[in-house]
Amino acid sequence: MRQLFLLILLFVVGQWFVKSLRGAQSRSGSQGQRTPGAQGGQGAQGGQSGQSGRGASRPNGQPALAEPMVRCTECGVHAPRSESVMIGSQSFCSDEHARAYAARTASQDRAAR
């Protein structure tokens, strides 16, 4: 029983020690001016400075907002607005789908006349 108590006590002291080291690293990383390469050991700890691994961050440390997604008129796939092809008010996921849609609508217009 005494060995079990000693093992639990050792575990608790170890956890407290690790937590205090991480707190000291985060405090020293937030003081002074940061350089792009020195971000308080963020790469080794998996980005535990409030980012929780979601996307890129801005230079001031705040997480970047998600980019708006648009739906392809041809196939229905959602793509980021910056990577999509816009023709008029229609959005497409690729040049190929934009050409296919334009060809199909052009042939329908000719058939309607």
N, C-alpha and C. Protein backbone atom coordinates (compact mmCIF):
# COMPACT_ATOMS: atom_id res chain seq x y z
N MET A 1 0.83 -1.19 0.00
CA MET A 1 0.00 0.00 0.00
C MET A 1 0.87 1.26 0.00
N ARG A 2 1.96 1.19 0.75
CA ARG A 2 2.86 2.32 0.83
C ARG A 2 3.50 2.60 -0.54
N GLN A 3 3.81 1.56 -1.29
CA GLN A 3 4.41 1.73 -2.61
C GLN A 3 3.43 2.38 -3.59
N LEU A 4 2.16 2.01 -3.51
CA LEU A 4 1.14 2.59 -4.35
C LEU A 4 0.99 4.09 -4.06
N PHE A 5 0.96 4.45 -2.78
CA PHE A 5 0.87 5.85 -2.39
C PHE A 5 2.09 6.64 -2.89
N LEU A 6 3.26 6.05 -2.78
CA LEU A 6 4.48 6.69 -3.24
C LEU A 6 4.46 6.89 -4.76
N LEU A 7 3.95 5.91 -5.49
CA LEU A 7 3.84 6.00 -6.93
C LEU A 7 2.87 7.10 -7.36
N ILE A 8 1.74 7.20 -6.69
CA ILE A 8 0.77 8.26 -6.99
C ILE A 8 1.36 9.62 -6.68
N LEU A 9 2.03 9.73 -5.56
CA LEU A 9 2.67 11.00 -5.18
C LEU A 9 3.73 11.40 -6.20
N LEU A 10 4.51 10.46 -6.66
CA LEU A 10 5.53 10.73 -7.67
C LEU A 10 4.90 11.20 -8.98
N PHE A 11 3.80 10.59 -9.36
CA PHE A 11 3.09 10.99 -10.58
C PHE A 11 2.56 12.42 -10.46
N VAL A 12 1.95 12.76 -9.34
CA VAL A 12 1.40 14.11 -9.13
C VAL A 12 2.51 15.15 -9.15
N VAL A 13 3.62 14.87 -8.49
CA VAL A 13 4.75 15.81 -8.48
C VAL A 13 5.32 15.97 -9.89
N GLY A 14 5.39 14.88 -10.64
CA GLY A 14 5.89 14.96 -12.02
C GLY A 14 4.98 15.80 -12.89
N GLN A 15 3.67 15.64 -12.75
CA GLN A 15 2.73 16.44 -13.53
C GLN A 15 2.83 17.92 -13.17
N TRP A 16 2.97 18.20 -11.89
CA TRP A 16 3.11 19.60 -11.46
C TRP A 16 4.39 20.21 -12.04
N PHE A 17 5.47 19.44 -12.06
CA PHE A 17 6.74 19.92 -12.59
C PHE A 17 6.64 20.21 -14.09
N VAL A 18 6.03 19.32 -14.84
CA VAL A 18 5.86 19.53 -16.28
C VAL A 18 4.98 20.74 -16.55
N LYS A 19 3.92 20.89 -15.79
CA LYS A 19 3.02 22.04 -15.97
C LYS A 19 3.74 23.35 -15.67
N SER A 20 4.54 23.37 -14.64
CA SER A 20 5.26 24.60 -14.31
C SER A 20 6.30 24.93 -15.37
N LEU A 21 6.94 23.92 -15.97
CA LEU A 21 7.90 24.17 -17.04
C LEU A 21 7.21 24.74 -18.28
N ARG A 22 6.06 24.18 -18.64
CA ARG A 22 5.31 24.70 -19.78
C ARG A 22 4.85 26.13 -19.55
N GLY A 23 4.41 26.43 -18.33
CA GLY A 23 4.00 27.80 -18.01
C GLY A 23 5.16 28.78 -18.12
N ALA A 24 6.33 28.36 -17.67
CA ALA A 24 7.51 29.22 -17.75
C ALA A 24 7.91 29.44 -19.21
N GLN A 25 7.80 28.39 -20.04
CA GLN A 25 8.12 28.55 -21.46
C GLN A 25 7.15 29.48 -22.16
N SER A 26 5.86 29.37 -21.84
CA SER A 26 4.88 30.24 -22.50
C SER A 26 5.04 31.69 -22.04
N ARG A 27 5.39 31.89 -20.77
CA ARG A 27 5.62 33.26 -20.30
C ARG A 27 6.86 33.87 -20.94
N SER A 28 7.92 33.10 -21.05
CA SER A 28 9.14 33.63 -21.64
C SER A 28 8.97 33.84 -23.15
N GLY A 29 8.13 33.05 -23.80
CA GLY A 29 7.87 33.20 -25.23
C GLY A 29 7.02 34.42 -25.53
N SER A 30 6.16 34.83 -24.57
CA SER A 30 5.29 35.98 -24.82
C SER A 30 5.98 37.30 -24.48
N GLN A 31 7.09 37.27 -23.75
CA GLN A 31 7.81 38.49 -23.42
C GLN A 31 8.73 38.87 -24.56
N GLY A 32 8.93 40.16 -24.74
CA GLY A 32 9.85 40.63 -25.77
C GLY A 32 9.28 40.46 -27.16
N GLN A 33 10.16 40.62 -28.13
CA GLN A 33 9.73 40.55 -29.52
C GLN A 33 9.99 39.15 -30.05
N ARG A 34 8.99 38.56 -30.68
CA ARG A 34 9.12 37.22 -31.25
C ARG A 34 9.65 37.28 -32.65
N THR A 35 10.46 36.30 -32.96
CA THR A 35 10.91 36.15 -34.34
C THR A 35 10.15 34.99 -34.95
N PRO A 36 10.04 34.91 -36.29
CA PRO A 36 9.27 33.84 -36.90
C PRO A 36 9.74 32.45 -36.52
N GLY A 37 11.02 32.26 -36.27
CA GLY A 37 11.53 30.93 -35.94
C GLY A 37 11.39 30.58 -34.48
N ALA A 38 11.24 31.57 -33.60
CA ALA A 38 11.18 31.32 -32.17
C ALA A 38 9.78 31.60 -31.66
N GLN A 39 8.96 30.57 -31.62
CA GLN A 39 7.59 30.75 -31.16
C GLN A 39 7.34 29.95 -29.91
N GLY A 40 8.27 29.90 -29.02
CA GLY A 40 8.07 29.27 -27.73
C GLY A 40 7.92 27.76 -27.79
N GLY A 41 8.62 27.10 -28.70
CA GLY A 41 8.53 25.64 -28.78
C GLY A 41 7.21 25.15 -29.29
N GLN A 42 6.53 25.92 -30.09
CA GLN A 42 5.19 25.58 -30.53
C GLN A 42 5.18 24.34 -31.41
N GLY A 43 6.17 24.13 -32.23
CA GLY A 43 6.20 22.97 -33.10
C GLY A 43 6.33 21.67 -32.33
N ALA A 44 7.11 21.67 -31.25
CA ALA A 44 7.32 20.45 -30.49
C ALA A 44 6.11 20.10 -29.63
N GLN A 45 5.31 21.10 -29.26
CA GLN A 45 4.17 20.84 -28.40
C GLN A 45 2.87 20.76 -29.17
N GLY A 46 2.89 20.86 -30.50
CA GLY A 46 1.69 20.70 -31.29
C GLY A 46 0.80 21.91 -31.27
N GLY A 47 1.34 23.11 -31.03
CA GLY A 47 0.53 24.32 -31.09
C GLY A 47 -0.46 24.43 -29.94
N GLN A 48 0.01 24.31 -28.72
CA GLN A 48 -0.89 24.35 -27.59
C GLN A 48 -1.10 25.76 -27.06
N SER A 49 -0.86 26.77 -27.86
CA SER A 49 -1.04 28.14 -27.41
C SER A 49 -2.41 28.66 -27.82
N GLY A 50 -3.47 27.86 -27.67
CA GLY A 50 -4.81 28.30 -27.95
C GLY A 50 -5.26 28.06 -29.38
N GLN A 51 -4.42 27.50 -30.23
CA GLN A 51 -4.80 27.32 -31.62
C GLN A 51 -5.48 25.99 -31.85
N SER A 52 -5.19 24.99 -31.06
CA SER A 52 -5.72 23.63 -31.15
C SER A 52 -5.58 23.04 -32.55
N GLY A 53 -4.55 23.42 -33.28
CA GLY A 53 -4.23 22.80 -34.54
C GLY A 53 -5.17 23.10 -35.68
N ARG A 54 -5.89 24.18 -35.66
CA ARG A 54 -6.86 24.48 -36.71
C ARG A 54 -6.35 25.57 -37.62
N GLY A 55 -5.81 25.19 -38.74
CA GLY A 55 -5.44 26.13 -39.78
C GLY A 55 -4.27 27.02 -39.42
N ALA A 56 -4.03 28.00 -40.25
CA ALA A 56 -2.92 28.93 -40.07
C ALA A 56 -3.31 30.02 -39.09
N SER A 57 -2.30 30.77 -38.64
CA SER A 57 -2.58 31.87 -37.73
C SER A 57 -2.05 33.16 -38.32
N ARG A 58 -2.59 34.23 -37.84
CA ARG A 58 -2.14 35.56 -38.26
C ARG A 58 -0.86 35.90 -37.53
N PRO A 59 -0.15 36.93 -37.97
CA PRO A 59 1.10 37.31 -37.30
C PRO A 59 0.91 37.67 -35.82
N ASN A 60 -0.27 38.17 -35.44
CA ASN A 60 -0.47 38.55 -34.04
C ASN A 60 -0.90 37.37 -33.17
N GLY A 61 -0.91 36.15 -33.72
CA GLY A 61 -1.20 34.96 -32.94
C GLY A 61 -2.65 34.52 -32.96
N GLN A 62 -3.55 35.31 -33.54
CA GLN A 62 -4.95 34.92 -33.61
C GLN A 62 -5.16 33.97 -34.78
N PRO A 63 -6.04 32.98 -34.64
CA PRO A 63 -6.29 32.06 -35.75
C PRO A 63 -6.99 32.78 -36.90
N ALA A 64 -6.63 32.39 -38.13
CA ALA A 64 -7.23 33.00 -39.31
C ALA A 64 -8.65 32.47 -39.48
N LEU A 65 -9.51 33.31 -40.04
CA LEU A 65 -10.88 32.90 -40.30
C LEU A 65 -10.93 31.98 -41.49
N ALA A 66 -11.92 31.13 -41.54
CA ALA A 66 -12.07 30.20 -42.64
C ALA A 66 -12.45 30.95 -43.92
N GLU A 67 -11.96 30.46 -45.05
CA GLU A 67 -12.26 31.10 -46.33
C GLU A 67 -13.64 30.66 -46.80
N PRO A 68 -14.42 31.58 -47.39
CA PRO A 68 -15.75 31.21 -47.87
C PRO A 68 -15.68 30.17 -48.98
N MET A 69 -16.61 29.23 -48.95
CA MET A 69 -16.68 28.18 -49.96
C MET A 69 -17.81 28.51 -50.92
N VAL A 70 -17.62 28.16 -52.19
CA VAL A 70 -18.65 28.35 -53.20
C VAL A 70 -18.95 27.00 -53.85
N ARG A 71 -20.18 26.85 -54.33
CA ARG A 71 -20.62 25.58 -54.92
C ARG A 71 -20.45 25.65 -56.43
N CYS A 72 -19.86 24.60 -56.99
CA CYS A 72 -19.67 24.51 -58.44
C CYS A 72 -21.03 24.34 -59.10
N THR A 73 -21.32 25.17 -60.09
CA THR A 73 -22.59 25.10 -60.79
C THR A 73 -22.72 23.81 -61.60
N GLU A 74 -21.60 23.28 -62.06
CA GLU A 74 -21.61 22.08 -62.90
C GLU A 74 -21.77 20.80 -62.09
N CYS A 75 -20.93 20.59 -61.08
CA CYS A 75 -20.93 19.30 -60.38
C CYS A 75 -21.42 19.37 -58.94
N GLY A 76 -21.50 20.56 -58.35
CA GLY A 76 -21.99 20.70 -56.99
C GLY A 76 -20.94 20.60 -55.91
N VAL A 77 -19.68 20.41 -56.28
CA VAL A 77 -18.61 20.32 -55.29
C VAL A 77 -18.32 21.71 -54.73
N HIS A 78 -18.06 21.79 -53.43
CA HIS A 78 -17.70 23.06 -52.81
C HIS A 78 -16.20 23.26 -52.87
N ALA A 79 -15.79 24.46 -53.27
CA ALA A 79 -14.37 24.80 -53.38
C ALA A 79 -14.14 26.17 -52.76
N PRO A 80 -12.93 26.45 -52.26
CA PRO A 80 -12.64 27.78 -51.72
C PRO A 80 -12.82 28.84 -52.80
N ARG A 81 -13.31 29.99 -52.40
CA ARG A 81 -13.59 31.06 -53.36
C ARG A 81 -12.33 31.47 -54.12
N SER A 82 -11.17 31.47 -53.46
CA SER A 82 -9.94 31.91 -54.12
C SER A 82 -9.48 30.91 -55.18
N GLU A 83 -9.88 29.64 -55.08
CA GLU A 83 -9.46 28.64 -56.04
C GLU A 83 -10.52 28.36 -57.09
N SER A 84 -11.70 28.96 -56.97
CA SER A 84 -12.77 28.69 -57.92
C SER A 84 -12.67 29.62 -59.13
N VAL A 85 -13.36 29.22 -60.20
CA VAL A 85 -13.40 30.00 -61.44
C VAL A 85 -14.77 30.68 -61.48
N MET A 86 -14.77 32.01 -61.56
CA MET A 86 -16.01 32.77 -61.59
C MET A 86 -16.26 33.28 -63.01
N ILE A 87 -17.43 32.97 -63.55
CA ILE A 87 -17.85 33.50 -64.85
C ILE A 87 -19.22 34.11 -64.62
N GLY A 88 -19.25 35.44 -64.67
CA GLY A 88 -20.49 36.14 -64.33
C GLY A 88 -20.82 35.90 -62.87
N SER A 89 -22.02 35.43 -62.63
CA SER A 89 -22.41 35.13 -61.25
C SER A 89 -22.28 33.64 -60.95
N GLN A 90 -21.83 32.86 -61.92
CA GLN A 90 -21.66 31.42 -61.75
C GLN A 90 -20.26 31.09 -61.24
N SER A 91 -20.16 30.13 -60.37
CA SER A 91 -18.85 29.70 -59.87
C SER A 91 -18.64 28.23 -60.23
N PHE A 92 -17.38 27.88 -60.53
CA PHE A 92 -17.02 26.54 -60.94
C PHE A 92 -15.76 26.10 -60.20
N CYS A 93 -15.61 24.79 -60.04
CA CYS A 93 -14.45 24.28 -59.32
C CYS A 93 -13.22 24.21 -60.22
N SER A 94 -13.40 24.22 -61.56
CA SER A 94 -12.26 24.16 -62.47
C SER A 94 -12.62 24.81 -63.80
N ASP A 95 -11.57 25.08 -64.61
CA ASP A 95 -11.80 25.63 -65.94
C ASP A 95 -12.57 24.65 -66.81
N GLU A 96 -12.29 23.38 -66.65
CA GLU A 96 -12.96 22.35 -67.45
C GLU A 96 -14.47 22.38 -67.23
N HIS A 97 -14.90 22.51 -65.98
CA HIS A 97 -16.34 22.56 -65.70
C HIS A 97 -16.95 23.86 -66.20
N ALA A 98 -16.20 24.95 -66.16
CA ALA A 98 -16.72 26.22 -66.69
C ALA A 98 -16.94 26.11 -68.19
N ARG A 99 -15.98 25.50 -68.91
CA ARG A 99 -16.13 25.33 -70.37
C ARG A 99 -17.28 24.39 -70.69
N ALA A 100 -17.41 23.29 -69.93
CA ALA A 100 -18.49 22.34 -70.19
C ALA A 100 -19.85 22.98 -69.96
N TYR A 101 -19.97 23.77 -68.92
CA TYR A 101 -21.24 24.45 -68.63
C TYR A 101 -21.55 25.47 -69.72
N ALA A 102 -20.54 26.23 -70.14
CA ALA A 102 -20.75 27.24 -71.19
C ALA A 102 -21.14 26.57 -72.50
N ALA A 103 -20.51 25.46 -72.84
CA ALA A 103 -20.84 24.75 -74.09
C ALA A 103 -22.26 24.20 -74.02
N ARG A 104 -22.65 23.65 -72.90
CA ARG A 104 -23.99 23.08 -72.77
C ARG A 104 -25.06 24.16 -72.84
N THR A 105 -24.85 25.28 -72.16
CA THR A 105 -25.84 26.35 -72.19
C THR A 105 -25.89 27.01 -73.55
N ALA A 106 -24.75 27.10 -74.25
CA ALA A 106 -24.72 27.70 -75.59
C ALA A 106 -25.51 26.81 -76.55
N SER A 107 -25.35 25.50 -76.46
CA SER A 107 -26.09 24.60 -77.35
C SER A 107 -27.58 24.62 -77.03
N GLN A 108 -27.95 24.80 -75.77
CA GLN A 108 -29.36 24.90 -75.41
C GLN A 108 -29.96 26.20 -75.93
N ASP A 109 -29.17 27.28 -75.92
CA ASP A 109 -29.66 28.56 -76.45
C ASP A 109 -29.89 28.47 -77.96
N ARG A 110 -28.96 27.80 -78.66
CA ARG A 110 -29.10 27.65 -80.11
C ARG A 110 -30.31 26.78 -80.45
N ALA A 111 -30.57 25.77 -79.66
CA ALA A 111 -31.70 24.88 -79.91
C ALA A 111 -33.02 25.57 -79.64
N ALA A 112 -33.03 26.52 -78.71
CA ALA A 112 -34.26 27.24 -78.37
C ALA A 112 -34.64 28.24 -79.45
N ARG A 113 -33.71 28.68 -80.29
CA ARG A 113 -34.02 29.68 -81.33
C ARG A 113 -34.60 29.03 -82.49
